[in-house]
Every structure is written in structure tokens, then in C-alpha cells.
Amino acid sequence: MQRAAVLWRANPARLLVALFALLLAGGMAAATGANFNSTTSNPANVVTAGVISHDNDKAGATVLNVLHLMPGQPESGTVKITNTGDAAAASSVTLSNLTATSGSTPLAPALDVSLTADGTPVDLNGAAAGTSAKLSALTSIPLGAWAVGEDRDYVFTVELPDTGPDGADNAYQGAGLTVDMTWELTS
């Protein structure tokens, strides 16, 4: 310790330079240690949005064109929908713009509707597949997920139930309506 005190008194600047050099050398020695390392890369990653699309074999045309419906005699119309996109997590058909076109008694509240997909009944009203529902009560009908390229034949059947003899259904004579069907597949 006495030697450091003598050096300090003799040349303090030289002692400070020597101490700084020792500290710098010690710091560099501690920071230059060896380590293990491994790297890889994944260049040119690509993200492309999928496509949701479908074909409707009656696009722009009617599915149901029922003239002269009689009580107790069901009538049907068929449409083929094909998934032409990349996927479909859900699908539906929406019935909208229900409009009475003729007659004094609205037909829609009396009209029973049922729907099948490739011969399998579709649940229309949440009660059970295969049961009918009144047309006036239907809006959007869920149709489930579709595989790419899958097609389905949908058959809509309408029936005015026969409520009895002696003209019990006369109030519906000449009654008519129109309804739009909109098919949608979603991701």
C-alpha cells in the first residue's frame, strides 16, 4: 500500500492511466467469453386469403314454381348448391321478402314447408329434422359445414294441409305468395 501512495505522489496521472488500462483489460476479458450458437431462417413465407364461393344451378331462377296447389297435395322444387371455394365452415339459406300476391287470406301462415339435403331431412324449426314448419315462421335455415367441391341437392316441399271436408280450406282459394331464397356459405 505504501508503494501505491509513493507512486501517487510521484505521478498521479500516470497511476490513473495505469488503473484505467487495467479496468479496461479486465472488462474486455470478461466480455469475450465463448458461447454456443445455432441459427436457421425461414425465408419467403406466404399468406394468401382463401376463397368462399358456390354454384347454384338455378341462380337467378325460381326453385319453387307451384301453380294450382291443392289441400293435402305436396309440391316440390329442387336446387343443387356446390361449394366451389376453399372451405365452408357454415352455410345457410335465408327466406326473405315473403309477400302475399293474391287472395283475401294470407297463404304463408297455413303453408307447411319441409327441406331435405341429398334426401336427408333438414331441421327447420329447432325441434327435429324431418318436421315441417310454417313458411311464415322461417327466416334463416342453418345448413352446416361443407367440404371443398361438395354439392348438395336441396328439395323444398310445400303443402297446404287439408283441414277437413265441405270447403274447410276455401279461404285459401286463389291465394298466392312470393318468397326469395338466398344461399350463403361462410368461413
Foldseek 3Di string as FASTA:
>chain_A
DVVVVVVCVVPVVVVVVVVVVVVVVVVVVVPPDDDDDDDDDDPDDDDDDWDWDKDKPQVPHDQDDDDPADAPDKDKGKIKMWTQIQWFQWKKKFKDPKFKDDADDADQQQKWKWKDKQNWFFDFDPPDGPGTDRRVPGGIGIDGIDHHGDMIMMMMMIHRHDPDDDCPPVRCVPIDIDIDMDMDTDD
